[in-house]
Amino acid sequence: MLILNFSVFSSLLGLFVFCSSRKHLLLTLLSLEFIVLSLYLMTSFCLMFYNYEFFFLMVFLTFSVCEGALGLSILVSLIRTHGNDYFQSFNVLW
């Protein structure tokens, strides 16, 4: 039960950091990855508790790795075009 409480607390903490960070794109991507890791921990604990198979975790890890690679590619392309990862420097109207 302690692991489940820790994963719920860490996902809420990651959500708080995601909502409060408004300057850097890298910080928001890191908080999203932290939320994904806490959800992975919570899902693995629940599947272990109910004696289910862990095939779903492999699918979840596949999608989370794809999400991380997509976020990093967007970050690299934004840094190449704008020079930094500040949200204030992005002009939405252009």
C-alpha atoms as a PDB file:
ATOM      1  CA  MET A   1       0.000   0.000   0.000  1.00  0.00           C
ATOM      2  CA  LEU A   2       2.929   2.323   0.648  1.00  0.00           C
ATOM      3  CA  ILE A   3       4.090   2.020  -2.972  1.00  0.00           C
ATOM      4  CA  LEU A   4       0.612   2.900  -4.230  1.00  0.00           C
ATOM      5  CA  ASN A   5       0.451   5.968  -1.984  1.00  0.00           C
ATOM      6  CA  PHE A   6       3.919   7.014  -3.129  1.00  0.00           C
ATOM      7  CA  SER A   7       2.974   6.683  -6.796  1.00  0.00           C
ATOM      8  CA  VAL A   8      -0.226   8.700  -6.323  1.00  0.00           C
ATOM      9  CA  PHE A   9       1.725  11.403  -4.465  1.00  0.00           C
ATOM     10  CA  SER A  10       4.427  11.493  -7.127  1.00  0.00           C
ATOM     11  CA  SER A  11       1.885  11.735  -9.949  1.00  0.00           C
ATOM     12  CA  LEU A  12       0.170  14.641  -8.180  1.00  0.00           C
ATOM     13  CA  LEU A  13       3.550  16.281  -7.645  1.00  0.00           C
ATOM     14  CA  GLY A  14       4.394  15.866 -11.323  1.00  0.00           C
ATOM     15  CA  LEU A  15       1.014  17.330 -12.264  1.00  0.00           C
ATOM     16  CA  PHE A  16       1.654  20.307  -9.997  1.00  0.00           C
ATOM     17  CA  VAL A  17       5.048  20.932 -11.611  1.00  0.00           C
ATOM     18  CA  PHE A  18       3.478  20.571 -15.068  1.00  0.00           C
ATOM     19  CA  CYS A  19       0.798  23.143 -14.267  1.00  0.00           C
ATOM     20  CA  SER A  20       3.146  25.582 -12.554  1.00  0.00           C
ATOM     21  CA  SER A  21       6.021  25.580 -15.050  1.00  0.00           C
ATOM     22  CA  ARG A  22       5.474  28.155 -17.761  1.00  0.00           C
ATOM     23  CA  LYS A  23       8.975  29.168 -18.802  1.00  0.00           C
ATOM     24  CA  HIS A  24      10.833  26.232 -20.272  1.00  0.00           C
ATOM     25  CA  LEU A  25       9.596  23.509 -22.578  1.00  0.00           C
ATOM     26  CA  LEU A  26      12.203  21.077 -21.239  1.00  0.00           C
ATOM     27  CA  LEU A  27      10.831  21.356 -17.702  1.00  0.00           C
ATOM     28  CA  THR A  28       7.315  20.563 -18.880  1.00  0.00           C
ATOM     29  CA  LEU A  29       8.577  17.544 -20.823  1.00  0.00           C
ATOM     30  CA  LEU A  30      10.456  16.294 -17.770  1.00  0.00           C
ATOM     31  CA  SER A  31       7.378  16.650 -15.595  1.00  0.00           C
ATOM     32  CA  LEU A  32       5.343  14.695 -18.168  1.00  0.00           C
ATOM     33  CA  GLU A  33       7.933  11.910 -18.081  1.00  0.00           C
ATOM     34  CA  PHE A  34       7.777  11.935 -14.280  1.00  0.00           C
ATOM     35  CA  ILE A  35       4.000  11.510 -14.449  1.00  0.00           C
ATOM     36  CA  VAL A  36       4.413   8.616 -16.889  1.00  0.00           C
ATOM     37  CA  LEU A  37       6.907   6.899 -14.575  1.00  0.00           C
ATOM     38  CA  SER A  38       4.606   7.255 -11.581  1.00  0.00           C
ATOM     39  CA  LEU A  39       1.698   5.864 -13.611  1.00  0.00           C
ATOM     40  CA  TYR A  40       3.919   2.946 -14.625  1.00  0.00           C
ATOM     41  CA  LEU A  41       4.721   2.268 -10.981  1.00  0.00           C
ATOM     42  CA  MET A  42       1.057   2.464 -10.022  1.00  0.00           C
ATOM     43  CA  THR A  43      -0.034   0.173 -12.857  1.00  0.00           C
ATOM     44  CA  SER A  44       2.656  -2.408 -12.149  1.00  0.00           C
ATOM     45  CA  PHE A  45       1.715  -2.483  -8.466  1.00  0.00           C
ATOM     46  CA  CYS A  46      -1.980  -2.892  -9.254  1.00  0.00           C
ATOM     47  CA  LEU A  47      -1.305  -5.664 -11.772  1.00  0.00           C
ATOM     48  CA  MET A  48       0.967  -7.421  -9.302  1.00  0.00           C
ATOM     49  CA  PHE A  49      -1.627  -7.080  -6.539  1.00  0.00           C
ATOM     50  CA  TYR A  50      -4.411  -8.689  -8.618  1.00  0.00           C
ATOM     51  CA  ASN A  51      -2.114 -11.351 -10.175  1.00  0.00           C
ATOM     52  CA  TYR A  52      -2.692 -10.236 -13.757  1.00  0.00           C
ATOM     53  CA  GLU A  53      -0.266 -10.588 -16.622  1.00  0.00           C
ATOM     54  CA  PHE A  54       2.230  -7.828 -17.310  1.00  0.00           C
ATOM     55  CA  PHE A  55       1.703  -7.612 -21.083  1.00  0.00           C
ATOM     56  CA  PHE A  56      -0.080  -4.287 -20.696  1.00  0.00           C
ATOM     57  CA  LEU A  57       3.045  -2.814 -19.110  1.00  0.00           C
ATOM     58  CA  MET A  58       5.060  -3.578 -22.240  1.00  0.00           C
ATOM     59  CA  VAL A  59       2.492  -1.755 -24.373  1.00  0.00           C
ATOM     60  CA  PHE A  60       2.481   1.141 -21.897  1.00  0.00           C
ATOM     61  CA  LEU A  61       6.289   1.364 -21.965  1.00  0.00           C
ATOM     62  CA  THR A  62       6.262   1.316 -25.763  1.00  0.00           C
ATOM     63  CA  PHE A  63       3.851   4.231 -25.939  1.00  0.00           C
ATOM     64  CA  SER A  64       5.702   6.171 -23.237  1.00  0.00           C
ATOM     65  CA  VAL A  65       9.018   5.774 -25.083  1.00  0.00           C
ATOM     66  CA  CYS A  66       7.360   6.976 -28.291  1.00  0.00           C
ATOM     67  CA  GLU A  67       5.921   9.947 -26.403  1.00  0.00           C
ATOM     68  CA  GLY A  68       9.335  10.812 -24.985  1.00  0.00           C
ATOM     69  CA  ALA A  69      11.023  10.585 -28.387  1.00  0.00           C
ATOM     70  CA  LEU A  70       8.341  12.767 -29.954  1.00  0.00           C
ATOM     71  CA  GLY A  71       8.710  15.376 -27.205  1.00  0.00           C
ATOM     72  CA  LEU A  72      12.480  15.462 -27.604  1.00  0.00           C
ATOM     73  CA  SER A  73      12.218  15.801 -31.375  1.00  0.00           C
ATOM     74  CA  ILE A  74       9.811  18.727 -30.979  1.00  0.00           C
ATOM     75  CA  LEU A  75      12.208  20.296 -28.455  1.00  0.00           C
ATOM     76  CA  VAL A  76      15.181  19.924 -30.816  1.00  0.00           C
ATOM     77  CA  SER A  77      13.270  21.395 -33.752  1.00  0.00           C
ATOM     78  CA  LEU A  78      12.105  24.363 -31.656  1.00  0.00           C
ATOM     79  CA  ILE A  79      15.623  25.028 -30.407  1.00  0.00           C
ATOM     80  CA  ARG A  80      16.956  24.891 -33.959  1.00  0.00           C
ATOM     81  CA  THR A  81      14.359  27.342 -35.249  1.00  0.00           C
ATOM     82  CA  HIS A  82      14.081  29.748 -32.292  1.00  0.00           C
ATOM     83  CA  GLY A  83      17.393  29.326 -30.473  1.00  0.00           C
ATOM     84  CA  ASN A  84      16.022  28.557 -26.997  1.00  0.00           C
ATOM     85  CA  ASP A  85      13.175  26.775 -25.231  1.00  0.00           C
ATOM     86  CA  TYR A  86      11.443  29.738 -23.609  1.00  0.00           C
ATOM     87  CA  PHE A  87       7.702  29.890 -24.154  1.00  0.00           C
ATOM     88  CA  GLN A  88       7.779  33.699 -24.365  1.00  0.00           C
ATOM     89  CA  SER A  89       9.938  33.649 -27.499  1.00  0.00           C
ATOM     90  CA  PHE A  90       7.461  31.544 -29.485  1.00  0.00           C
ATOM     91  CA  ASN A  91       5.203  33.728 -31.580  1.00  0.00           C
ATOM     92  CA  VAL A  92       1.982  31.839 -32.297  1.00  0.00           C
ATOM     93  CA  LEU A  93       0.816  34.279 -34.963  1.00  0.00           C
ATOM     94  CA  TRP A  94       3.747  33.675 -37.359  1.00  0.00           C
END
